[in-house]
Structures are given as structure tokens and as C-alpha cells.
Amino acid sequence: MHPVLFKIGWFELHPFGLLLVLSFILGIILSLKRAKKTGVDQNIILDFAVVVCISGIIGARLMYTIFHLDEFKGHYLDIINPIQSSGAVGIYGMTVLGGIILASVSGIIYLQFKNVSKLSVFNVIAPSVALGFAITRIGCFFQGCCFGTPCLHSWGVTFPENSPGGFIFPNQALHPTQLYASFGGLINFLLLLYLERYTVVKNKTFFLFLIFYGVSRFIEDIFRYYEESMILFHNDGVSVSVNQGICAVLILTGIYGIFYISLRKYKQI
């Protein structure tokens, strides 16, 4: 685990931040190429990317904060201040699904304002989002966050005690759920690019993304550690997290969207 790649004075370069920026750059490049191929205005994609990136970060931070308010008791400015009260530089703690929700809402509002087909743009950017998850989750692994529950298999990872996972589970091998998520994002990305070559999948890329991501994230969360504040309910030893509840909504939305497009002639949505 390498939470800091290098440090020069007060400046620290974190692998998560580096990979996050890399995912944005690659995602925009890929989306622009796909937009040109499908006839979507590339300028719209660039503006849309800015809106989605900013709102996604805000949404991810906001959702994390809502379910972890105790962490900020007495120093609430740390929620938005890049210079933390501890002296650390950077904002730590984000929930990806919060980013997806706010980015989607913001993106829809922007495209509505521009009077552009929302589904066409979402179909263009869907594979880029999946690729972004594959890249940034590797950063989570280096950071030591988003860790799993104790693992008895040979691929379990023991995190240092000064990391989030090592602090909660000292000297215990844990499920590397960050890498599970990265692998899921890569499979999602490859499946979307492969399946959209077929006519039956035309105009359904975004809805397929919702289903694939929802399923892979739901499975990943079975092995991921969550605080009690992030658990919806327990039943006979089985726990369902808030994120799994959101994943169920994403899956149902994707299924509904596919049936909607299939049963009606495609029109600008």
C-alpha cells in the first residue's frame, strides 16, 4: 500500500488523486472519439464532462459526509477544506454512488438546458465511466480505503495498521474489494464496447451500464466492510448496505430503460 507517491514540502501526490485525474482524461478522450463516431456534438461532450466531473466529486463527498458526520464533529470545515485540521492536505472520504447520483442529475439538467438528446450523450459516455471506475479503484487499493471484511482465501490482503483497513482489522487478511471493483469496472467497460456492436443493443448502452455496474457493485459489497450507519438492515446474519439498496434501484432503472426502448420506437429522450 502506497498512500503517498511522493512529498515535496506541504505537497503530497496521492495515487488516488493521480488515477482519478487520469481516468477523467482518458474518459474524455474516449467519449470525444465515440461522439464523433455517433454524430454527437463534441463541444457538448466537453462541457458535459466538466459538469459531471465537478458534480460527481461534490456528490461523492456529500454522501460520504451524510453517513459519517461523527468523523467531522468539532471540525466540520474539514468537509470542504482541502487543508485538514490535522494538517493533512486533501479531502479524504467519498462515496462513489453519491457521485453517480448527483452527476446524473446535473448532467440531465445541463442537457435539458442545451436541448440535447440526453440518452444519446449518456450512451456515449457510459463506457468511459466504467473505465474510470476500473482505474480509480486501484487508487483506493493504494490508499487502503474501501476495504473488505476478513478473508480466509490466499488472495486476502493484510493492510498496514496505519491504514483504514489495518486500523479496523489489525493483522488480518481482508478481501481486496477495491480490486474486485476495479475488475468489475473493466469487465463492464469491455462488455459495453462488445455488446453495442449488435443492433439489438442499439441505444441501450447506458441502461446496460446501470445493470452491469449495479450487479457487480452489489456483489462486491457482500465482501466489503461498512459501518453501522451504512447498513440498511440485518436479517438472520445477512446485511444489506445503503449502497446495495441504491444498486438495486440502478438495476431496476436499467431494466426498465431497456424495455422502454425495446417496446417503443427510439426517439430523442
C-alpha atoms as a PDB file:
ATOM      1  CA  MET A   1       0.000   0.000   0.000  1.00  0.00           C
ATOM      2  CA  HIS A   2       1.372   3.406  -1.008  1.00  0.00           C
ATOM      3  CA  PRO A   3      -0.994   6.224   0.078  1.00  0.00           C
ATOM      4  CA  VAL A   4       1.602   8.862  -0.899  1.00  0.00           C
ATOM      5  CA  LEU A   5       3.691   8.553  -4.055  1.00  0.00           C
ATOM      6  CA  PHE A   6       5.994  11.412  -3.110  1.00  0.00           C
ATOM      7  CA  LYS A   7       6.053  14.559  -0.993  1.00  0.00           C
ATOM      8  CA  ILE A   8       7.673  17.953  -1.648  1.00  0.00           C
ATOM      9  CA  GLY A   9       7.208  20.285   1.305  1.00  0.00           C
ATOM     10  CA  TRP A  10       3.489  20.509   2.011  1.00  0.00           C
ATOM     11  CA  PHE A  11       2.570  18.964  -1.360  1.00  0.00           C
ATOM     12  CA  GLU A  12       1.740  15.273  -1.429  1.00  0.00           C
ATOM     13  CA  LEU A  13       0.883  13.300  -4.554  1.00  0.00           C
ATOM     14  CA  HIS A  14      -1.614  10.566  -3.762  1.00  0.00           C
ATOM     15  CA  PRO A  15      -2.155   7.641  -6.151  1.00  0.00           C
ATOM     16  CA  PHE A  16      -5.940   8.005  -5.846  1.00  0.00           C
ATOM     17  CA  GLY A  17      -5.835  11.626  -6.985  1.00  0.00           C
ATOM     18  CA  LEU A  18      -3.424  10.815  -9.795  1.00  0.00           C
ATOM     19  CA  LEU A  19      -5.550   7.917 -11.045  1.00  0.00           C
ATOM     20  CA  LEU A  20      -8.727   9.993 -10.700  1.00  0.00           C
ATOM     21  CA  VAL A  21      -7.262  12.678 -12.961  1.00  0.00           C
ATOM     22  CA  LEU A  22      -6.010  10.010 -15.362  1.00  0.00           C
ATOM     23  CA  SER A  23      -9.482   8.432 -15.533  1.00  0.00           C
ATOM     24  CA  PHE A  24     -11.048  11.827 -16.325  1.00  0.00           C
ATOM     25  CA  ILE A  25      -8.557  12.494 -19.125  1.00  0.00           C
ATOM     26  CA  LEU A  26      -8.894   9.049 -20.702  1.00  0.00           C
ATOM     27  CA  GLY A  27     -12.663   9.155 -20.275  1.00  0.00           C
ATOM     28  CA  ILE A  28     -12.950  12.482 -22.071  1.00  0.00           C
ATOM     29  CA  ILE A  29     -10.679  11.331 -24.918  1.00  0.00           C
ATOM     30  CA  LEU A  30     -12.692   8.126 -25.372  1.00  0.00           C
ATOM     31  CA  SER A  31     -16.015   9.987 -25.178  1.00  0.00           C
ATOM     32  CA  LEU A  32     -14.907  12.519 -27.800  1.00  0.00           C
ATOM     33  CA  LYS A  33     -13.966   9.705 -30.182  1.00  0.00           C
ATOM     34  CA  ARG A  34     -17.287   7.980 -29.578  1.00  0.00           C
ATOM     35  CA  ALA A  35     -19.175  11.257 -30.010  1.00  0.00           C
ATOM     36  CA  LYS A  36     -17.533  11.884 -33.381  1.00  0.00           C
ATOM     37  CA  LYS A  37     -18.442   8.361 -34.483  1.00  0.00           C
ATOM     38  CA  THR A  38     -22.093   8.671 -33.403  1.00  0.00           C
ATOM     39  CA  GLY A  39     -22.651  12.262 -34.523  1.00  0.00           C
ATOM     40  CA  VAL A  40     -22.933  13.837 -31.073  1.00  0.00           C
ATOM     41  CA  ASP A  41     -21.542  17.378 -30.777  1.00  0.00           C
ATOM     42  CA  GLN A  42     -18.059  17.102 -29.246  1.00  0.00           C
ATOM     43  CA  ASN A  43     -18.369  20.548 -27.626  1.00  0.00           C
ATOM     44  CA  ILE A  44     -21.412  19.288 -25.751  1.00  0.00           C
ATOM     45  CA  ILE A  45     -19.364  16.319 -24.521  1.00  0.00           C
ATOM     46  CA  LEU A  46     -16.573  18.594 -23.266  1.00  0.00           C
ATOM     47  CA  ASP A  47     -18.970  20.879 -21.375  1.00  0.00           C
ATOM     48  CA  PHE A  48     -20.907  17.875 -20.107  1.00  0.00           C
ATOM     49  CA  ALA A  49     -17.678  16.281 -18.845  1.00  0.00           C
ATOM     50  CA  VAL A  50     -16.860  19.374 -16.788  1.00  0.00           C
ATOM     51  CA  VAL A  51     -20.353  19.448 -15.259  1.00  0.00           C
ATOM     52  CA  VAL A  52     -20.294  15.722 -14.478  1.00  0.00           C
ATOM     53  CA  CYS A  53     -16.754  15.702 -13.063  1.00  0.00           C
ATOM     54  CA  ILE A  54     -17.381  18.595 -10.665  1.00  0.00           C
ATOM     55  CA  SER A  55     -20.834  17.466  -9.553  1.00  0.00           C
ATOM     56  CA  GLY A  56     -19.606  13.860  -9.247  1.00  0.00           C
ATOM     57  CA  ILE A  57     -16.884  14.843  -6.793  1.00  0.00           C
ATOM     58  CA  ILE A  58     -19.304  17.015  -4.811  1.00  0.00           C
ATOM     59  CA  GLY A  59     -21.925  14.252  -4.729  1.00  0.00           C
ATOM     60  CA  ALA A  60     -19.423  11.607  -3.655  1.00  0.00           C
ATOM     61  CA  ARG A  61     -18.178  13.829  -0.832  1.00  0.00           C
ATOM     62  CA  LEU A  62     -21.692  14.831   0.225  1.00  0.00           C
ATOM     63  CA  MET A  63     -22.965  11.260   0.520  1.00  0.00           C
ATOM     64  CA  TYR A  64     -19.898  10.193   2.490  1.00  0.00           C
ATOM     65  CA  THR A  65     -20.341  13.142   4.844  1.00  0.00           C
ATOM     66  CA  ILE A  66     -24.028  12.410   5.463  1.00  0.00           C
ATOM     67  CA  PHE A  67     -23.266   8.899   6.707  1.00  0.00           C
ATOM     68  CA  HIS A  68     -20.049   9.809   8.572  1.00  0.00           C
ATOM     69  CA  LEU A  69     -20.914  13.033  10.359  1.00  0.00           C
ATOM     70  CA  ASP A  70     -19.290  11.802  13.583  1.00  0.00           C
ATOM     71  CA  GLU A  71     -15.896  11.923  11.867  1.00  0.00           C
ATOM     72  CA  PHE A  72     -16.200  15.698  11.461  1.00  0.00           C
ATOM     73  CA  LYS A  73     -17.540  16.573  14.902  1.00  0.00           C
ATOM     74  CA  GLY A  74     -15.695  19.645  16.155  1.00  0.00           C
ATOM     75  CA  HIS A  75     -14.012  20.311  12.801  1.00  0.00           C
ATOM     76  CA  TYR A  76     -16.812  20.495  10.243  1.00  0.00           C
ATOM     77  CA  LEU A  77     -14.758  22.742   7.972  1.00  0.00           C
ATOM     78  CA  ASP A  78     -12.784  19.611   7.032  1.00  0.00           C
ATOM     79  CA  ILE A  79     -15.782  18.586   4.939  1.00  0.00           C
ATOM     80  CA  ILE A  80     -14.871  21.133   2.273  1.00  0.00           C
ATOM     81  CA  ASN A  81     -11.432  22.410   3.281  1.00  0.00           C
ATOM     82  CA  PRO A  82      -8.533  20.798   1.340  1.00  0.00           C
ATOM     83  CA  ILE A  83      -6.231  21.684   4.257  1.00  0.00           C
ATOM     84  CA  GLN A  84      -7.496  19.432   7.039  1.00  0.00           C
ATOM     85  CA  SER A  85      -7.416  20.329  10.740  1.00  0.00           C
ATOM     86  CA  SER A  86      -4.862  17.538  11.202  1.00  0.00           C
ATOM     87  CA  GLY A  87      -2.510  19.362   8.842  1.00  0.00           C
ATOM     88  CA  ALA A  88      -3.014  16.849   6.037  1.00  0.00           C
ATOM     89  CA  VAL A  89      -3.585  18.225   2.552  1.00  0.00           C
ATOM     90  CA  GLY A  90      -6.509  16.771   0.631  1.00  0.00           C
ATOM     91  CA  ILE A  91     -10.128  15.768   1.134  1.00  0.00           C
ATOM     92  CA  TYR A  92     -10.497  12.192   2.331  1.00  0.00           C
ATOM     93  CA  GLY A  93     -13.686  10.146   2.179  1.00  0.00           C
ATOM     94  CA  MET A  94     -16.013   9.806  -0.805  1.00  0.00           C
ATOM     95  CA  THR A  95     -18.874   7.509  -1.751  1.00  0.00           C
ATOM     96  CA  VAL A  96     -18.936   6.730  -5.470  1.00  0.00           C
ATOM     97  CA  LEU A  97     -22.676   6.164  -5.669  1.00  0.00           C
ATOM     98  CA  GLY A  98     -23.307   9.653  -4.326  1.00  0.00           C
ATOM     99  CA  GLY A  99     -21.175  10.952  -7.163  1.00  0.00           C
ATOM    100  CA  ILE A 100     -23.133   8.931  -9.723  1.00  0.00           C
ATOM    101  CA  ILE A 101     -26.454  10.272  -8.452  1.00  0.00           C
ATOM    102  CA  LEU A 102     -25.526  13.967  -8.401  1.00  0.00           C
ATOM    103  CA  ALA A 103     -23.537  13.737 -11.643  1.00  0.00           C
ATOM    104  CA  SER A 104     -26.534  12.113 -13.380  1.00  0.00           C
ATOM    105  CA  VAL A 105     -28.963  14.749 -12.110  1.00  0.00           C
ATOM    106  CA  SER A 106     -26.606  17.610 -13.006  1.00  0.00           C
ATOM    107  CA  GLY A 107     -25.931  16.097 -16.419  1.00  0.00           C
ATOM    108  CA  ILE A 108     -29.639  15.755 -17.180  1.00  0.00           C
ATOM    109  CA  ILE A 109     -30.280  19.371 -16.157  1.00  0.00           C
ATOM    110  CA  TYR A 110     -27.406  20.572 -18.363  1.00  0.00           C
ATOM    111  CA  LEU A 111     -28.570  18.566 -21.397  1.00  0.00           C
ATOM    112  CA  GLN A 112     -32.148  19.725 -20.859  1.00  0.00           C
ATOM    113  CA  PHE A 113     -30.912  23.324 -20.871  1.00  0.00           C
ATOM    114  CA  LYS A 114     -28.984  22.649 -24.097  1.00  0.00           C
ATOM    115  CA  ASN A 115     -31.975  20.827 -25.624  1.00  0.00           C
ATOM    116  CA  VAL A 116     -29.804  17.831 -26.489  1.00  0.00           C
ATOM    117  CA  SER A 117     -30.808  14.159 -26.539  1.00  0.00           C
ATOM    118  CA  LYS A 118     -29.908  13.007 -23.054  1.00  0.00           C
ATOM    119  CA  LEU A 119     -29.857   9.311 -23.886  1.00  0.00           C
ATOM    120  CA  SER A 120     -27.507   9.833 -26.841  1.00  0.00           C
ATOM    121  CA  VAL A 121     -24.956  11.603 -24.625  1.00  0.00           C
ATOM    122  CA  PHE A 122     -25.278   9.076 -21.790  1.00  0.00           C
ATOM    123  CA  ASN A 123     -24.775   6.247 -24.285  1.00  0.00           C
ATOM    124  CA  VAL A 124     -21.577   7.935 -25.474  1.00  0.00           C
ATOM    125  CA  ILE A 125     -20.060   8.418 -22.033  1.00  0.00           C
ATOM    126  CA  ALA A 126     -21.178   5.155 -20.342  1.00  0.00           C
ATOM    127  CA  PRO A 127     -18.077   3.084 -21.274  1.00  0.00           C
ATOM    128  CA  SER A 128     -15.823   5.934 -20.123  1.00  0.00           C
ATOM    129  CA  VAL A 129     -17.472   5.900 -16.702  1.00  0.00           C
ATOM    130  CA  ALA A 130     -16.957   2.140 -16.417  1.00  0.00           C
ATOM    131  CA  LEU A 131     -13.296   2.551 -17.389  1.00  0.00           C
ATOM    132  CA  GLY A 132     -12.975   5.330 -14.814  1.00  0.00           C
ATOM    133  CA  PHE A 133     -14.148   3.004 -12.053  1.00  0.00           C
ATOM    134  CA  ALA A 134     -11.616   0.372 -13.147  1.00  0.00           C
ATOM    135  CA  ILE A 135      -8.796   2.915 -12.884  1.00  0.00           C
ATOM    136  CA  THR A 136      -9.734   4.853  -9.738  1.00  0.00           C
ATOM    137  CA  ARG A 137     -10.452   1.771  -7.632  1.00  0.00           C
ATOM    138  CA  ILE A 138      -6.784   0.839  -7.976  1.00  0.00           C
ATOM    139  CA  GLY A 139      -6.130   4.164  -6.260  1.00  0.00           C
ATOM    140  CA  CYS A 140      -8.444   3.081  -3.448  1.00  0.00           C
ATOM    141  CA  PHE A 141      -6.317  -0.038  -3.015  1.00  0.00           C
ATOM    142  CA  PHE A 142      -3.127   2.013  -2.698  1.00  0.00           C
ATOM    143  CA  GLN A 143      -4.909   4.368  -0.304  1.00  0.00           C
ATOM    144  CA  GLY A 144      -6.138   1.469   1.840  1.00  0.00           C
ATOM    145  CA  CYS A 145      -9.760   2.650   1.874  1.00  0.00           C
ATOM    146  CA  CYS A 146     -12.929   0.874   0.672  1.00  0.00           C
ATOM    147  CA  PHE A 147     -11.556  -2.353   2.165  1.00  0.00           C
ATOM    148  CA  GLY A 148     -13.298  -5.659   2.678  1.00  0.00           C
ATOM    149  CA  THR A 149     -14.153  -7.958   5.555  1.00  0.00           C
ATOM    150  CA  PRO A 150     -11.765 -10.694   6.811  1.00  0.00           C
ATOM    151  CA  CYS A 151     -10.800 -13.146   4.051  1.00  0.00           C
ATOM    152  CA  LEU A 152      -9.694 -16.763   4.500  1.00  0.00           C
ATOM    153  CA  HIS A 153      -8.550 -17.191   0.913  1.00  0.00           C
ATOM    154  CA  SER A 154      -4.977 -16.946  -0.360  1.00  0.00           C
ATOM    155  CA  TRP A 155      -5.675 -13.629  -2.124  1.00  0.00           C
ATOM    156  CA  GLY A 156      -6.587 -11.853   1.120  1.00  0.00           C
ATOM    157  CA  VAL A 157      -4.554  -8.678   1.774  1.00  0.00           C
ATOM    158  CA  THR A 158      -3.247  -7.555   5.166  1.00  0.00           C
ATOM    159  CA  PHE A 159      -3.132  -3.769   5.295  1.00  0.00           C
ATOM    160  CA  PRO A 160      -0.718  -1.768   7.492  1.00  0.00           C
ATOM    161  CA  GLU A 161      -2.102  -0.702  10.867  1.00  0.00           C
ATOM    162  CA  ASN A 162      -1.828   2.969   9.895  1.00  0.00           C
ATOM    163  CA  SER A 163      -4.282   2.411   7.038  1.00  0.00           C
ATOM    164  CA  PRO A 164      -8.104   2.421   7.360  1.00  0.00           C
ATOM    165  CA  GLY A 165      -8.321  -1.345   6.796  1.00  0.00           C
ATOM    166  CA  GLY A 166      -5.421  -2.168   9.102  1.00  0.00           C
ATOM    167  CA  PHE A 167      -6.838   0.059  11.833  1.00  0.00           C
ATOM    168  CA  ILE A 168     -10.227  -1.699  11.828  1.00  0.00           C
ATOM    169  CA  PHE A 169      -8.818  -5.208  11.260  1.00  0.00           C
ATOM    170  CA  PRO A 170      -5.200  -5.245  12.521  1.00  0.00           C
ATOM    171  CA  ASN A 171      -3.063  -8.128  11.268  1.00  0.00           C
ATOM    172  CA  GLN A 172      -5.982  -9.725   9.419  1.00  0.00           C
ATOM    173  CA  ALA A 173      -6.172 -10.613   5.748  1.00  0.00           C
ATOM    174  CA  LEU A 174      -9.084  -8.795   4.107  1.00  0.00           C
ATOM    175  CA  HIS A 175     -10.987  -9.128   0.862  1.00  0.00           C
ATOM    176  CA  PRO A 176      -9.339  -6.688  -1.604  1.00  0.00           C
ATOM    177  CA  THR A 177     -12.728  -5.257  -2.552  1.00  0.00           C
ATOM    178  CA  GLN A 178     -11.003  -2.323  -4.253  1.00  0.00           C
ATOM    179  CA  LEU A 179      -9.527  -4.742  -6.788  1.00  0.00           C
ATOM    180  CA  TYR A 180     -12.838  -6.592  -7.093  1.00  0.00           C
ATOM    181  CA  ALA A 181     -14.416  -3.241  -8.013  1.00  0.00           C
ATOM    182  CA  SER A 182     -11.613  -2.424 -10.456  1.00  0.00           C
ATOM    183  CA  PHE A 183     -12.030  -5.799 -12.164  1.00  0.00           C
ATOM    184  CA  GLY A 184     -15.808  -5.294 -12.285  1.00  0.00           C
ATOM    185  CA  GLY A 185     -15.345  -1.885 -13.919  1.00  0.00           C
ATOM    186  CA  LEU A 186     -13.004  -3.354 -16.533  1.00  0.00           C
ATOM    187  CA  ILE A 187     -15.430  -6.174 -17.373  1.00  0.00           C
ATOM    188  CA  ASN A 188     -18.270  -3.636 -17.577  1.00  0.00           C
ATOM    189  CA  PHE A 189     -16.208  -1.489 -19.950  1.00  0.00           C
ATOM    190  CA  LEU A 190     -15.303  -4.386 -22.236  1.00  0.00           C
ATOM    191  CA  LEU A 191     -18.835  -5.797 -22.272  1.00  0.00           C
ATOM    192  CA  LEU A 192     -20.347  -2.445 -23.241  1.00  0.00           C
ATOM    193  CA  LEU A 193     -17.955  -1.990 -26.150  1.00  0.00           C
ATOM    194  CA  TYR A 194     -18.526  -5.567 -27.304  1.00  0.00           C
ATOM    195  CA  LEU A 195     -22.314  -5.717 -26.983  1.00  0.00           C
ATOM    196  CA  GLU A 196     -23.114  -2.363 -28.584  1.00  0.00           C
ATOM    197  CA  ARG A 197     -21.863  -3.731 -31.905  1.00  0.00           C
ATOM    198  CA  TYR A 198     -25.130  -5.656 -32.122  1.00  0.00           C
ATOM    199  CA  THR A 199     -28.280  -3.991 -33.434  1.00  0.00           C
ATOM    200  CA  VAL A 200     -30.390  -5.345 -30.565  1.00  0.00           C
ATOM    201  CA  VAL A 201     -28.313  -3.266 -28.129  1.00  0.00           C
ATOM    202  CA  LYS A 202     -28.556  -0.031 -30.124  1.00  0.00           C
ATOM    203  CA  ASN A 203     -29.402   2.980 -27.926  1.00  0.00           C
ATOM    204  CA  LYS A 204     -29.255   0.826 -24.774  1.00  0.00           C
ATOM    205  CA  THR A 205     -25.583   1.203 -23.765  1.00  0.00           C
ATOM    206  CA  PHE A 206     -26.297   3.452 -20.790  1.00  0.00           C
ATOM    207  CA  PHE A 207     -29.028   1.200 -19.422  1.00  0.00           C
ATOM    208  CA  LEU A 208     -26.744  -1.813 -19.768  1.00  0.00           C
ATOM    209  CA  PHE A 209     -24.115   0.109 -17.843  1.00  0.00           C
ATOM    210  CA  LEU A 210     -26.585   0.675 -14.990  1.00  0.00           C
ATOM    211  CA  ILE A 211     -27.362  -3.045 -14.852  1.00  0.00           C
ATOM    212  CA  PHE A 212     -23.755  -4.239 -15.093  1.00  0.00           C
ATOM    213  CA  TYR A 213     -22.499  -1.715 -12.545  1.00  0.00           C
ATOM    214  CA  GLY A 214     -25.408  -2.345 -10.195  1.00  0.00           C
ATOM    215  CA  VAL A 215     -24.874  -6.121 -10.263  1.00  0.00           C
ATOM    216  CA  SER A 216     -21.082  -6.009  -9.898  1.00  0.00           C
ATOM    217  CA  ARG A 217     -21.228  -3.413  -7.117  1.00  0.00           C
ATOM    218  CA  PHE A 218     -23.957  -5.319  -5.271  1.00  0.00           C
ATOM    219  CA  ILE A 219     -21.809  -8.479  -5.320  1.00  0.00           C
ATOM    220  CA  GLU A 220     -18.668  -6.570  -4.319  1.00  0.00           C
ATOM    221  CA  ASP A 221     -20.471  -5.077  -1.335  1.00  0.00           C
ATOM    222  CA  ILE A 222     -21.174  -8.547   0.044  1.00  0.00           C
ATOM    223  CA  PHE A 223     -17.471  -8.703   0.905  1.00  0.00           C
ATOM    224  CA  ARG A 224     -16.952  -5.024   1.781  1.00  0.00           C
ATOM    225  CA  TYR A 225     -16.790  -3.608   5.291  1.00  0.00           C
ATOM    226  CA  TYR A 226     -19.332  -0.937   6.245  1.00  0.00           C
ATOM    227  CA  GLU A 227     -20.007   0.972   9.427  1.00  0.00           C
ATOM    228  CA  GLU A 228     -23.419   0.531  11.047  1.00  0.00           C
ATOM    229  CA  SER A 229     -24.501   3.912   9.669  1.00  0.00           C
ATOM    230  CA  MET A 230     -24.249   2.470   6.138  1.00  0.00           C
ATOM    231  CA  ILE A 231     -26.337  -0.657   6.828  1.00  0.00           C
ATOM    232  CA  LEU A 232     -29.999  -0.631   5.835  1.00  0.00           C
ATOM    233  CA  PHE A 233     -30.962  -3.713   7.829  1.00  0.00           C
ATOM    234  CA  HIS A 234     -29.803  -7.060   9.218  1.00  0.00           C
ATOM    235  CA  ASN A 235     -31.756 -10.281   8.859  1.00  0.00           C
ATOM    236  CA  ASP A 236     -30.541 -13.688  10.050  1.00  0.00           C
ATOM    237  CA  GLY A 237     -26.906 -12.687   9.733  1.00  0.00           C
ATOM    238  CA  VAL A 238     -27.398 -11.130   6.297  1.00  0.00           C
ATOM    239  CA  SER A 239     -26.745  -7.402   5.956  1.00  0.00           C
ATOM    240  CA  VAL A 240     -27.876  -5.089   3.173  1.00  0.00           C
ATOM    241  CA  SER A 241     -25.994  -1.819   2.828  1.00  0.00           C
ATOM    242  CA  VAL A 242     -27.297   1.547   1.707  1.00  0.00           C
ATOM    243  CA  ASN A 243     -25.152   1.200  -1.410  1.00  0.00           C
ATOM    244  CA  GLN A 244     -26.687  -2.173  -2.217  1.00  0.00           C
ATOM    245  CA  GLY A 245     -30.118  -0.579  -1.966  1.00  0.00           C
ATOM    246  CA  ILE A 246     -29.031   2.086  -4.454  1.00  0.00           C
ATOM    247  CA  CYS A 247     -27.591  -0.636  -6.707  1.00  0.00           C
ATOM    248  CA  ALA A 248     -30.972  -2.367  -6.745  1.00  0.00           C
ATOM    249  CA  VAL A 249     -32.552   0.891  -7.933  1.00  0.00           C
ATOM    250  CA  LEU A 250     -29.887   1.239 -10.663  1.00  0.00           C
ATOM    251  CA  ILE A 251     -30.540  -2.324 -11.858  1.00  0.00           C
ATOM    252  CA  LEU A 252     -34.303  -1.800 -11.994  1.00  0.00           C
ATOM    253  CA  THR A 253     -33.839   1.514 -13.789  1.00  0.00           C
ATOM    254  CA  GLY A 254     -31.606  -0.163 -16.366  1.00  0.00           C
ATOM    255  CA  ILE A 255     -34.102  -2.986 -16.948  1.00  0.00           C
ATOM    256  CA  TYR A 256     -36.985  -0.520 -17.277  1.00  0.00           C
ATOM    257  CA  GLY A 257     -34.989   1.589 -19.736  1.00  0.00           C
ATOM    258  CA  ILE A 258     -34.158  -1.391 -21.935  1.00  0.00           C
ATOM    259  CA  PHE A 259     -37.805  -2.482 -22.070  1.00  0.00           C
ATOM    260  CA  TYR A 260     -38.916   1.092 -22.743  1.00  0.00           C
ATOM    261  CA  ILE A 261     -36.555   1.436 -25.700  1.00  0.00           C
ATOM    262  CA  SER A 262     -37.360  -2.063 -26.972  1.00  0.00           C
ATOM    263  CA  LEU A 263     -41.139  -1.699 -26.875  1.00  0.00           C
ATOM    264  CA  ARG A 264     -41.253   1.772 -28.391  1.00  0.00           C
ATOM    265  CA  LYS A 265     -39.566   3.230 -31.429  1.00  0.00           C
ATOM    266  CA  TYR A 266     -36.457   5.092 -30.313  1.00  0.00           C
ATOM    267  CA  LYS A 267     -36.965   8.810 -30.066  1.00  0.00           C
ATOM    268  CA  GLN A 268     -34.959  11.659 -28.624  1.00  0.00           C
ATOM    269  CA  ILE A 269     -35.137  11.318 -24.845  1.00  0.00           C
END
